Each structure stands twice: as structure tokens, then as C-alpha cells.
N, C-alpha and C. Protein backbone atom coordinates (compact mmCIF):
# COMPACT_ATOMS: atom_id res chain seq x y z
N MET A 1 -28.36 -14.19 4.26
CA MET A 1 -27.05 -14.69 3.88
C MET A 1 -26.00 -13.62 4.10
N GLY A 2 -26.33 -12.35 3.88
CA GLY A 2 -25.38 -11.27 4.07
C GLY A 2 -24.96 -11.13 5.53
N LEU A 3 -25.91 -11.32 6.44
CA LEU A 3 -25.60 -11.22 7.86
C LEU A 3 -24.66 -12.34 8.28
N LEU A 4 -24.86 -13.54 7.74
CA LEU A 4 -24.00 -14.67 8.06
C LEU A 4 -22.57 -14.42 7.58
N LYS A 5 -22.44 -13.86 6.38
CA LYS A 5 -21.11 -13.51 5.86
C LYS A 5 -20.45 -12.46 6.76
N PHE A 6 -21.21 -11.47 7.16
CA PHE A 6 -20.71 -10.41 8.01
C PHE A 6 -20.20 -10.98 9.34
N ILE A 7 -20.96 -11.89 9.92
CA ILE A 7 -20.55 -12.52 11.18
C ILE A 7 -19.29 -13.35 10.99
N ALA A 8 -19.22 -14.12 9.89
CA ALA A 8 -18.05 -14.97 9.63
C ALA A 8 -16.79 -14.13 9.40
N VAL A 9 -16.92 -13.07 8.64
CA VAL A 9 -15.76 -12.21 8.37
C VAL A 9 -15.33 -11.51 9.66
N GLY A 10 -16.26 -11.05 10.43
CA GLY A 10 -15.93 -10.40 11.70
C GLY A 10 -15.23 -11.35 12.66
N ALA A 11 -15.70 -12.60 12.71
CA ALA A 11 -15.06 -13.59 13.57
C ALA A 11 -13.65 -13.90 13.09
N ALA A 12 -13.46 -14.01 11.79
CA ALA A 12 -12.13 -14.29 11.24
C ALA A 12 -11.18 -13.14 11.53
N ILE A 13 -11.64 -11.92 11.37
CA ILE A 13 -10.79 -10.76 11.66
C ILE A 13 -10.44 -10.72 13.15
N GLY A 14 -11.42 -10.98 13.99
CA GLY A 14 -11.17 -11.00 15.43
C GLY A 14 -10.16 -12.08 15.82
N TYR A 15 -10.30 -13.26 15.25
CA TYR A 15 -9.35 -14.35 15.53
C TYR A 15 -7.97 -13.98 15.03
N GLY A 16 -7.88 -13.38 13.84
CA GLY A 16 -6.58 -12.99 13.29
C GLY A 16 -5.88 -11.96 14.16
N ILE A 17 -6.62 -10.98 14.64
CA ILE A 17 -6.03 -9.96 15.52
C ILE A 17 -5.56 -10.60 16.82
N LYS A 18 -6.37 -11.49 17.37
CA LYS A 18 -5.99 -12.17 18.61
C LYS A 18 -4.72 -12.99 18.39
N TYR A 19 -4.63 -13.68 17.25
CA TYR A 19 -3.47 -14.53 16.94
C TYR A 19 -2.21 -13.68 16.77
N VAL A 20 -2.31 -12.57 16.08
CA VAL A 20 -1.14 -11.72 15.79
C VAL A 20 -0.65 -11.01 17.05
N THR A 21 -1.55 -10.69 17.97
CA THR A 21 -1.15 -9.95 19.17
C THR A 21 -0.90 -10.85 20.38
N LYS A 22 -1.11 -12.14 20.26
CA LYS A 22 -0.91 -13.06 21.38
C LYS A 22 0.58 -13.21 21.65
N LYS A 23 0.96 -13.11 22.91
CA LYS A 23 2.36 -13.24 23.31
C LYS A 23 2.77 -14.71 23.27
N GLY A 24 3.94 -14.96 22.73
CA GLY A 24 4.47 -16.31 22.65
C GLY A 24 5.31 -16.65 23.88
N PRO A 25 5.99 -17.80 23.84
CA PRO A 25 6.80 -18.22 24.98
C PRO A 25 7.95 -17.25 25.28
N ASN A 26 8.40 -16.52 24.27
CA ASN A 26 9.48 -15.56 24.47
C ASN A 26 8.98 -14.20 24.94
N GLY A 27 7.67 -14.06 25.15
CA GLY A 27 7.10 -12.81 25.63
C GLY A 27 6.83 -11.79 24.54
N ARG A 28 7.00 -12.19 23.28
CA ARG A 28 6.79 -11.27 22.16
C ARG A 28 5.68 -11.82 21.27
N SER A 29 4.99 -10.91 20.60
CA SER A 29 3.95 -11.32 19.68
C SER A 29 4.47 -11.21 18.25
N ILE A 30 3.70 -11.74 17.31
CA ILE A 30 4.05 -11.64 15.90
C ILE A 30 4.08 -10.17 15.50
N LEU A 31 3.14 -9.40 16.00
CA LEU A 31 3.08 -7.97 15.70
C LEU A 31 4.32 -7.25 16.20
N ASP A 32 4.83 -7.63 17.38
CA ASP A 32 6.06 -7.03 17.89
C ASP A 32 7.22 -7.29 16.94
N ASP A 33 7.33 -8.52 16.46
CA ASP A 33 8.42 -8.87 15.55
C ASP A 33 8.30 -8.11 14.23
N ILE A 34 7.09 -7.98 13.72
CA ILE A 34 6.88 -7.27 12.45
C ILE A 34 7.23 -5.80 12.59
N THR A 35 6.76 -5.16 13.65
CA THR A 35 7.03 -3.73 13.82
C THR A 35 8.50 -3.46 14.10
N GLU A 36 9.19 -4.39 14.72
CA GLU A 36 10.62 -4.22 14.97
C GLU A 36 11.43 -4.31 13.68
N ASP A 37 11.02 -5.18 12.76
CA ASP A 37 11.76 -5.38 11.52
C ASP A 37 11.33 -4.43 10.40
N ALA A 38 10.27 -3.69 10.59
CA ALA A 38 9.73 -2.84 9.52
C ALA A 38 10.73 -1.80 8.99
N PRO A 39 11.48 -1.09 9.85
CA PRO A 39 12.43 -0.11 9.29
C PRO A 39 13.49 -0.74 8.39
N GLU A 40 13.95 -1.92 8.76
CA GLU A 40 14.94 -2.63 7.93
C GLU A 40 14.33 -2.99 6.57
N TRP A 41 13.10 -3.49 6.57
CA TRP A 41 12.42 -3.85 5.32
C TRP A 41 12.20 -2.61 4.47
N PHE A 42 11.87 -1.49 5.11
CA PHE A 42 11.64 -0.24 4.38
C PHE A 42 12.92 0.21 3.68
N GLU A 43 14.05 0.13 4.38
CA GLU A 43 15.33 0.51 3.78
C GLU A 43 15.67 -0.39 2.60
N LYS A 44 15.47 -1.70 2.75
CA LYS A 44 15.74 -2.63 1.65
C LYS A 44 14.87 -2.31 0.44
N ALA A 45 13.59 -2.05 0.68
CA ALA A 45 12.67 -1.74 -0.42
C ALA A 45 13.05 -0.42 -1.09
N LYS A 46 13.44 0.57 -0.30
CA LYS A 46 13.82 1.86 -0.84
C LYS A 46 15.08 1.73 -1.70
N ASN A 47 16.07 0.97 -1.22
CA ASN A 47 17.30 0.77 -1.99
C ASN A 47 17.01 0.02 -3.28
N TYR A 48 16.15 -0.99 -3.22
CA TYR A 48 15.80 -1.77 -4.41
C TYR A 48 15.10 -0.88 -5.44
N ALA A 49 14.16 -0.07 -4.97
CA ALA A 49 13.43 0.82 -5.88
C ALA A 49 14.36 1.84 -6.52
N THR A 50 15.27 2.40 -5.74
CA THR A 50 16.23 3.36 -6.28
C THR A 50 17.10 2.71 -7.35
N GLU A 51 17.55 1.50 -7.06
CA GLU A 51 18.38 0.77 -8.03
C GLU A 51 17.63 0.51 -9.33
N LYS A 52 16.38 0.11 -9.23
CA LYS A 52 15.60 -0.19 -10.43
C LYS A 52 15.29 1.08 -11.23
N VAL A 53 15.02 2.17 -10.55
CA VAL A 53 14.76 3.43 -11.25
C VAL A 53 16.02 3.87 -12.00
N GLU A 54 17.18 3.71 -11.39
CA GLU A 54 18.43 4.06 -12.06
C GLU A 54 18.66 3.18 -13.29
N GLN A 55 18.34 1.89 -13.17
CA GLN A 55 18.50 0.98 -14.32
C GLN A 55 17.58 1.40 -15.47
N VAL A 56 16.35 1.74 -15.16
CA VAL A 56 15.40 2.16 -16.19
C VAL A 56 15.86 3.47 -16.82
N ALA A 57 16.37 4.38 -16.00
CA ALA A 57 16.85 5.66 -16.52
C ALA A 57 18.03 5.44 -17.46
N GLN A 58 18.92 4.52 -17.14
CA GLN A 58 20.06 4.22 -18.00
C GLN A 58 19.59 3.64 -19.33
N GLN A 59 18.59 2.77 -19.29
CA GLN A 59 18.08 2.14 -20.51
C GLN A 59 17.30 3.16 -21.35
N ALA A 60 16.72 4.15 -20.73
CA ALA A 60 15.90 5.12 -21.45
C ALA A 60 16.74 6.22 -22.11
N LYS A 61 18.00 6.35 -21.70
CA LYS A 61 18.85 7.38 -22.30
C LYS A 61 19.10 7.06 -23.76
N PRO A 62 19.04 8.07 -24.61
CA PRO A 62 19.33 7.84 -26.03
C PRO A 62 20.82 7.50 -26.19
N ASP A 63 21.10 6.59 -27.11
CA ASP A 63 22.47 6.17 -27.36
C ASP A 63 23.19 7.28 -28.12
N ALA A 64 24.32 7.74 -27.57
CA ALA A 64 25.05 8.86 -28.16
C ALA A 64 25.69 8.48 -29.50
N GLY A 65 25.97 7.20 -29.73
CA GLY A 65 26.63 6.78 -30.95
C GLY A 65 25.66 6.48 -32.07
N TYR A 66 24.40 6.54 -31.87
CA TYR A 66 23.41 6.21 -32.88
C TYR A 66 23.12 7.45 -33.72
N HIS A 67 23.20 7.30 -35.04
CA HIS A 67 23.00 8.47 -35.93
C HIS A 67 21.81 8.27 -36.86
N GLY A 68 20.85 7.47 -36.50
CA GLY A 68 19.65 7.32 -37.31
C GLY A 68 19.87 6.55 -38.59
N GLY A 69 20.81 5.63 -38.64
CA GLY A 69 21.02 4.79 -39.80
C GLY A 69 21.85 5.44 -40.88
N GLN A 70 22.53 6.50 -40.62
CA GLN A 70 23.31 7.21 -41.64
C GLN A 70 24.70 6.63 -41.75
């Protein structure tokens, strides 16, 4: 049974690689499109992460007007 699973997974991976690298009617593959857009996605993710870290840092700052209930 393990050998059959190994063969099935290998075939699925091989088919997936063939599908992703196959050139379409425009002469480009899915992989070409993904690698072309990756830097833009990276910048968006980096900006989003920076924004969220700043929000968390603002929420974590102690409130200057709070005097411990006095």
C-alpha cells in the first residue's frame, strides 16, 4: 500500500509541475506569471506586516494618563 501511495503522490506532483510550467496561448506559463508578480506581493506583505507591528506597538504602550486608580 505504501508503494501505491508513493506512485500516486509522485504522479500528482509530476502532473502539477507539468501544468504550472506549460506555456499557454500567450506564450507564458502560470509559473512565469507568479514569479513576475512575486516582488509586488512581497512589498504588499512587508507593508502590511509593518503596519500591524506599529499598531500592536501603539496598543502595548502604557497610557501616560493612567495613575493606577488614584
